N, C-alpha and C. Protein backbone atom coordinates (compact mmCIF):
# COMPACT_ATOMS: atom_id res chain seq x y z
N MET A 1 124.61 245.90 78.96
CA MET A 1 125.46 246.04 79.92
C MET A 1 124.96 247.15 80.88
N ASP A 2 125.53 247.11 82.22
CA ASP A 2 125.05 248.05 83.30
C ASP A 2 126.38 248.77 83.24
N PHE A 3 125.99 249.96 83.49
CA PHE A 3 127.23 251.21 83.69
C PHE A 3 127.43 251.12 85.18
N HIS A 4 126.68 251.38 85.72
CA HIS A 4 126.46 251.69 86.92
C HIS A 4 127.54 250.82 87.50
N ARG A 5 127.02 249.31 87.23
CA ARG A 5 127.81 248.46 88.37
C ARG A 5 129.52 248.30 87.69
N HIS A 6 129.37 248.45 86.49
CA HIS A 6 130.73 247.84 85.73
C HIS A 6 131.58 249.27 85.56
N GLY A 7 131.02 250.38 85.34
CA GLY A 7 132.02 251.26 85.27
C GLY A 7 131.98 252.16 83.84
N LEU A 8 132.36 253.29 83.60
CA LEU A 8 132.24 253.69 82.35
C LEU A 8 133.36 253.06 81.22
N LEU A 9 135.01 253.01 81.96
CA LEU A 9 135.92 252.50 81.84
C LEU A 9 135.53 250.86 81.09
N THR A 10 135.26 249.99 81.87
CA THR A 10 134.60 248.73 81.17
C THR A 10 134.01 248.92 80.32
N ALA A 11 132.82 249.82 80.08
CA ALA A 11 132.55 249.52 78.68
C ALA A 11 133.13 250.26 78.01
N LEU A 12 133.69 251.44 78.03
CA LEU A 12 134.41 251.93 77.08
C LEU A 12 135.66 251.07 76.68
N GLY A 13 136.28 250.28 77.12
CA GLY A 13 136.93 249.12 76.70
C GLY A 13 136.47 247.98 75.91
N PHE A 14 135.30 247.53 76.63
CA PHE A 14 134.16 246.72 75.78
C PHE A 14 134.12 247.16 74.46
N ALA A 15 133.73 248.35 74.52
CA ALA A 15 133.11 248.97 73.01
C ALA A 15 134.81 249.40 72.06
N ALA A 16 135.90 249.54 72.44
CA ALA A 16 136.80 249.36 71.98
C ALA A 16 137.29 247.88 71.00
N LEU A 17 137.24 247.15 72.04
CA LEU A 17 137.05 245.82 71.87
C LEU A 17 136.32 245.14 70.65
N THR A 18 135.23 245.52 70.62
CA THR A 18 134.25 245.38 69.87
C THR A 18 134.48 245.46 68.37
N GLY A 19 134.66 247.33 68.64
CA GLY A 19 135.32 248.06 67.32
C GLY A 19 136.67 247.34 66.60
N ASN A 20 137.58 246.83 67.32
CA ASN A 20 138.88 246.23 66.94
C ASN A 20 138.40 245.21 66.38
N SER A 21 137.61 244.49 66.79
CA SER A 21 137.32 242.61 66.43
C SER A 21 136.45 243.04 65.03
N ALA A 22 135.63 243.81 65.06
CA ALA A 22 134.77 243.79 63.80
C ALA A 22 135.68 244.42 62.55
N LEU A 23 136.08 245.38 62.84
CA LEU A 23 137.27 245.92 61.92
C LEU A 23 138.07 244.70 61.38
N ALA A 24 139.07 244.23 62.28
CA ALA A 24 139.82 243.00 62.04
C ALA A 24 139.33 241.94 61.25
N ILE A 25 137.92 241.58 61.74
CA ILE A 25 137.36 240.64 60.56
C ILE A 25 136.93 241.54 59.14
N TYR A 26 136.42 242.47 59.15
CA TYR A 26 135.95 243.19 57.73
C TYR A 26 137.28 243.19 56.93
N ARG A 27 138.53 243.41 57.75
CA ARG A 27 139.65 243.44 56.78
C ARG A 27 140.34 242.23 56.43
N SER A 28 139.78 241.03 57.29
CA SER A 28 140.29 239.87 57.04
C SER A 28 139.24 238.87 56.35
N ARG A 29 137.94 239.77 55.79
CA ARG A 29 136.88 239.30 55.21
C ARG A 29 137.34 238.21 53.93
N ASP A 30 138.61 237.90 53.55
CA ASP A 30 139.18 236.95 52.09
C ASP A 30 139.72 235.92 52.58
N ASP A 31 140.17 235.89 54.30
CA ASP A 31 140.48 234.94 54.88
C ASP A 31 140.02 234.32 55.74
N PRO A 32 139.37 233.32 55.60
CA PRO A 32 138.31 232.57 56.73
C PRO A 32 138.84 231.99 58.05
N ARG A 33 139.91 231.61 57.72
CA ARG A 33 140.72 231.27 58.95
C ARG A 33 141.07 232.08 60.07
N SER A 34 141.39 233.64 59.23
CA SER A 34 141.76 234.63 60.38
C SER A 34 140.31 235.39 60.55
N VAL A 35 139.14 234.82 59.96
CA VAL A 35 137.81 235.73 60.67
C VAL A 35 137.61 234.72 61.81
N VAL A 36 137.47 233.81 61.69
CA VAL A 36 137.54 232.42 62.74
C VAL A 36 138.32 232.77 64.00
N PHE A 37 139.40 232.98 63.53
CA PHE A 37 140.46 233.17 64.66
C PHE A 37 139.84 234.45 65.62
N VAL A 38 139.88 235.39 64.64
CA VAL A 38 139.22 237.20 65.46
C VAL A 38 137.84 236.91 66.07
N ALA A 39 136.89 236.17 65.73
CA ALA A 39 135.22 235.65 66.16
C ALA A 39 135.79 234.66 67.21
N GLY A 40 136.45 233.74 67.56
CA GLY A 40 136.94 232.99 68.75
C GLY A 40 137.55 234.01 69.51
N ALA A 41 138.81 234.46 69.54
CA ALA A 41 139.17 235.48 70.32
C ALA A 41 138.38 236.23 71.15
N TYR A 42 137.52 237.05 69.86
CA TYR A 42 136.57 237.87 70.72
C TYR A 42 135.19 237.10 71.59
N ALA A 43 134.98 236.11 71.42
CA ALA A 43 133.85 235.51 72.18
C ALA A 43 134.55 234.61 73.27
N SER A 44 135.65 234.26 73.40
CA SER A 44 136.36 233.90 74.49
C SER A 44 136.83 234.92 75.48
N ILE A 45 137.40 236.45 75.22
CA ILE A 45 137.32 237.24 76.06
C ILE A 45 136.04 237.84 76.47
N ALA A 46 135.30 237.65 75.73
CA ALA A 46 133.86 238.10 76.23
C ALA A 46 133.40 237.30 77.24
N LEU A 47 133.12 236.13 76.98
CA LEU A 47 133.12 235.44 78.09
C LEU A 47 134.15 235.17 79.69
N LEU A 48 135.39 235.33 79.13
CA LEU A 48 136.42 235.41 79.99
C LEU A 48 135.95 236.64 81.22
N PHE A 49 135.72 237.69 80.76
CA PHE A 49 135.06 238.79 81.23
C PHE A 49 133.73 238.52 82.02
N HIS A 50 133.12 237.50 81.55
CA HIS A 50 131.95 237.27 82.45
C HIS A 50 132.37 236.67 83.40
N PHE A 51 132.90 235.39 83.42
CA PHE A 51 133.20 234.40 84.36
C PHE A 51 134.25 235.32 85.63
N LEU A 52 135.17 235.65 85.05
CA LEU A 52 136.03 236.76 86.14
C LEU A 52 135.14 237.65 86.87
N ARG A 53 134.15 238.32 86.17
CA ARG A 53 132.97 239.10 86.95
C ARG A 53 132.26 237.98 87.87
N ARG A 54 132.07 236.93 87.60
CA ARG A 54 131.46 236.02 88.56
C ARG A 54 132.24 235.38 89.64
N LEU A 55 133.06 235.00 89.60
CA LEU A 55 134.55 235.04 90.32
C LEU A 55 134.76 235.74 91.36
N GLU A 56 135.18 237.14 90.92
CA GLU A 56 135.43 238.34 91.69
C GLU A 56 134.27 238.30 92.74
N ARG A 57 132.79 238.44 92.14
CA ARG A 57 131.69 238.88 93.02
C ARG A 57 131.52 237.89 93.91
N GLY A 58 132.18 236.30 93.83
CA GLY A 58 131.87 234.85 94.48
C GLY A 58 130.23 234.37 94.04
N GLU A 59 129.80 234.95 93.08
CA GLU A 59 128.87 234.23 92.65
C GLU A 59 128.57 232.67 92.67
N GLU A 60 128.06 231.97 93.35
CA GLU A 60 127.95 230.55 93.54
C GLU A 60 127.53 230.01 91.95
N GLY A 61 126.67 230.43 91.49
CA GLY A 61 125.71 229.64 90.29
C GLY A 61 125.27 228.10 90.04
N GLY A 62 125.15 227.38 89.47
CA GLY A 62 124.56 226.45 89.22
C GLY A 62 125.61 225.32 90.07
N GLY A 63 126.91 225.31 89.36
CA GLY A 63 128.07 224.29 89.95
C GLY A 63 129.11 224.68 90.90
N GLY A 64 128.91 226.16 91.72
CA GLY A 64 129.81 226.43 92.54
C GLY A 64 131.00 227.20 91.93
N ARG A 65 131.79 227.33 92.72
CA ARG A 65 132.97 228.54 92.45
C ARG A 65 134.22 227.75 91.91
N THR A 66 133.89 226.35 92.03
CA THR A 66 134.97 225.17 90.93
C THR A 66 134.27 225.57 89.34
N THR A 67 133.24 225.20 89.21
CA THR A 67 132.77 225.57 88.11
C THR A 67 133.29 227.39 87.31
N THR A 68 133.26 227.93 88.18
CA THR A 68 133.50 229.26 87.36
C THR A 68 135.17 229.30 87.21
N ARG A 69 136.14 228.74 88.51
CA ARG A 69 137.21 228.62 88.17
C ARG A 69 137.73 227.95 87.33
N ALA A 70 137.29 227.03 86.76
CA ALA A 70 137.53 225.95 85.68
C ALA A 70 137.10 226.77 84.38
N ALA A 71 136.05 227.47 84.15
CA ALA A 71 136.00 228.34 82.95
C ALA A 71 136.93 229.11 82.72
N VAL A 72 137.28 229.95 83.95
CA VAL A 72 138.21 230.79 83.91
C VAL A 72 139.77 230.21 83.29
N TRP A 73 140.05 229.11 83.84
CA TRP A 73 140.96 228.54 83.47
C TRP A 73 141.24 227.86 82.16
N LEU A 74 140.19 227.45 81.62
CA LEU A 74 139.96 227.04 80.21
C LEU A 74 139.92 228.16 79.38
N LEU A 75 139.30 228.93 79.41
CA LEU A 75 139.30 230.26 78.68
C LEU A 75 140.64 231.04 78.44
N THR A 76 141.44 230.88 79.60
CA THR A 76 142.44 231.68 79.45
C THR A 76 143.58 230.80 78.72
N THR A 77 143.33 229.32 79.13
CA THR A 77 144.08 228.45 78.41
C THR A 77 144.01 228.29 76.71
N LEU A 78 142.57 228.26 76.59
CA LEU A 78 142.44 228.71 75.29
C LEU A 78 143.05 230.08 74.17
N LEU A 79 142.68 230.94 75.11
CA LEU A 79 143.44 232.04 74.22
C LEU A 79 144.93 232.00 74.16
N THR A 80 145.65 231.58 75.21
CA THR A 80 147.04 231.61 75.48
C THR A 80 147.50 230.57 74.03
N ALA A 81 146.85 229.17 73.70
CA ALA A 81 147.49 228.31 73.19
C ALA A 81 147.01 229.38 71.43
N MET A 82 145.67 229.87 71.47
CA MET A 82 145.31 230.37 70.13
C MET A 82 146.40 231.45 69.63
N PHE A 83 146.59 232.27 70.54
CA PHE A 83 147.64 233.25 70.61
C PHE A 83 149.34 232.77 70.01
N ALA A 84 149.76 231.98 70.85
CA ALA A 84 150.64 231.09 70.34
C ALA A 84 151.00 230.21 69.45
N SER A 85 149.63 229.73 69.04
CA SER A 85 149.73 229.04 67.59
C SER A 85 150.00 229.84 66.58
N ARG A 86 149.48 231.20 66.69
CA ARG A 86 149.84 232.22 65.62
C ARG A 86 151.25 232.61 65.92
N VAL A 87 151.59 232.74 66.54
CA VAL A 87 152.94 233.46 66.84
C VAL A 87 154.40 232.59 66.14
N ALA A 88 154.17 231.45 67.15
CA ALA A 88 155.14 230.27 67.02
C ALA A 88 155.63 230.01 65.46
N PRO A 89 154.76 229.81 64.75
CA PRO A 89 155.07 229.68 63.19
C PRO A 89 155.77 230.50 62.65
N LEU A 90 155.56 232.00 62.83
CA LEU A 90 156.19 233.20 62.34
C LEU A 90 157.55 233.05 62.78
N MET A 91 158.41 232.82 63.85
CA MET A 91 159.37 232.74 64.67
C MET A 91 160.58 231.40 63.97
N PRO A 92 161.69 231.56 64.35
CA PRO A 92 162.70 230.34 64.05
C PRO A 92 162.32 229.69 64.94
N PRO A 93 162.31 228.26 64.42
CA PRO A 93 161.94 227.08 65.17
C PRO A 93 162.26 226.95 66.43
N PRO A 94 163.62 227.37 67.43
CA PRO A 94 164.33 227.42 68.81
C PRO A 94 163.30 228.54 69.32
N VAL A 95 163.00 229.72 68.97
CA VAL A 95 162.11 231.16 69.22
C VAL A 95 160.91 230.04 69.37
N GLY A 96 159.99 229.59 68.67
CA GLY A 96 158.97 228.79 68.44
C GLY A 96 158.64 227.85 69.38
N PHE A 97 159.45 227.13 69.90
CA PHE A 97 159.58 226.03 70.85
C PHE A 97 159.64 227.04 72.30
N VAL A 98 159.99 227.90 72.44
CA VAL A 98 160.15 229.24 73.58
C VAL A 98 158.80 229.46 73.68
N VAL A 99 158.36 229.59 72.49
CA VAL A 99 156.64 230.23 72.48
C VAL A 99 155.73 229.50 72.81
N TYR A 100 155.87 228.05 72.86
CA TYR A 100 155.20 227.51 73.24
C TYR A 100 155.26 226.68 74.38
N SER A 101 156.59 226.71 74.88
CA SER A 101 156.80 226.36 76.25
C SER A 101 156.48 227.04 77.16
N MET A 102 156.59 228.41 76.81
CA MET A 102 155.87 229.49 77.96
C MET A 102 154.37 229.59 77.90
N ALA A 103 154.01 229.08 76.95
CA ALA A 103 152.39 229.05 76.88
C ALA A 103 151.87 227.81 77.90
N ALA A 104 152.95 226.80 77.34
CA ALA A 104 152.19 225.52 78.37
C ALA A 104 152.51 225.73 79.81
N GLY A 105 153.54 226.46 80.13
CA GLY A 105 153.93 227.10 81.62
C GLY A 105 152.66 228.10 81.99
N THR A 106 152.52 228.92 81.21
CA THR A 106 151.48 229.95 81.72
C THR A 106 149.97 229.03 81.88
N ALA A 107 149.76 228.15 81.15
CA ALA A 107 148.49 227.03 81.40
C ALA A 107 149.07 226.61 82.55
N GLY A 108 149.96 225.81 82.95
CA GLY A 108 150.34 225.18 84.12
C GLY A 108 150.34 225.91 85.16
N THR A 109 150.85 226.87 85.10
CA THR A 109 150.73 228.13 86.40
C THR A 109 149.42 228.54 86.74
N GLY A 110 148.76 228.97 85.95
CA GLY A 110 147.09 229.05 86.02
C GLY A 110 146.35 228.16 86.90
N PHE A 111 146.40 226.99 86.21
CA PHE A 111 146.00 225.60 86.95
C PHE A 111 146.31 225.47 88.48
N TRP A 112 147.52 225.82 88.42
CA TRP A 112 148.18 225.74 89.99
C TRP A 112 147.36 226.46 91.00
N ALA A 113 147.66 227.69 89.87
CA ALA A 113 146.95 228.86 91.17
C ALA A 113 145.47 229.32 91.53
N LEU A 114 144.74 228.49 90.51
CA LEU A 114 143.13 228.58 90.70
C LEU A 114 142.91 226.95 91.43
N PHE A 115 143.40 226.21 91.12
CA PHE A 115 143.38 224.98 91.97
C PHE A 115 143.64 224.41 92.86
N LEU A 116 145.00 223.95 92.62
CA LEU A 116 146.07 223.75 93.67
C LEU A 116 146.53 224.53 95.00
N HIS A 117 146.82 225.59 94.71
CA HIS A 117 147.11 226.64 95.68
C HIS A 117 145.83 227.13 96.31
N ARG A 118 146.09 226.70 97.71
CA ARG A 118 144.91 226.93 98.81
C ARG A 118 145.63 228.28 99.53
N GLN A 119 145.10 229.05 99.61
CA GLN A 119 145.15 230.42 100.71
C GLN A 119 144.86 230.26 101.87
N GLN A 120 145.83 230.41 103.10
CA GLN A 120 145.46 230.01 104.35
C GLN A 120 144.71 231.23 105.03
């Protein structure tokens, strides 16, 4: 990680995320579903930060900006769905429906913002 380009706070935040994820995996080592959930969320967040950095810098890469925006949208939608699927079953059915509806609305709004809305 390049501390000069990303800053100390970013490095500390990423270190805290890594430590928290490692601790969560250690504490849930007897529950494989929880381990997979934490590892998947950690990997998704790490990839999301990578693609967000590329999007902010305007790096074209192989497929261009559209591919980077698609990666950002897919990762945010994945994280939203993952967390909604963990929270909604703990709620009463009407509240669970609201959680899933908000997750779908967030994914739809993100798609609109990244692909359909053109700034003038």
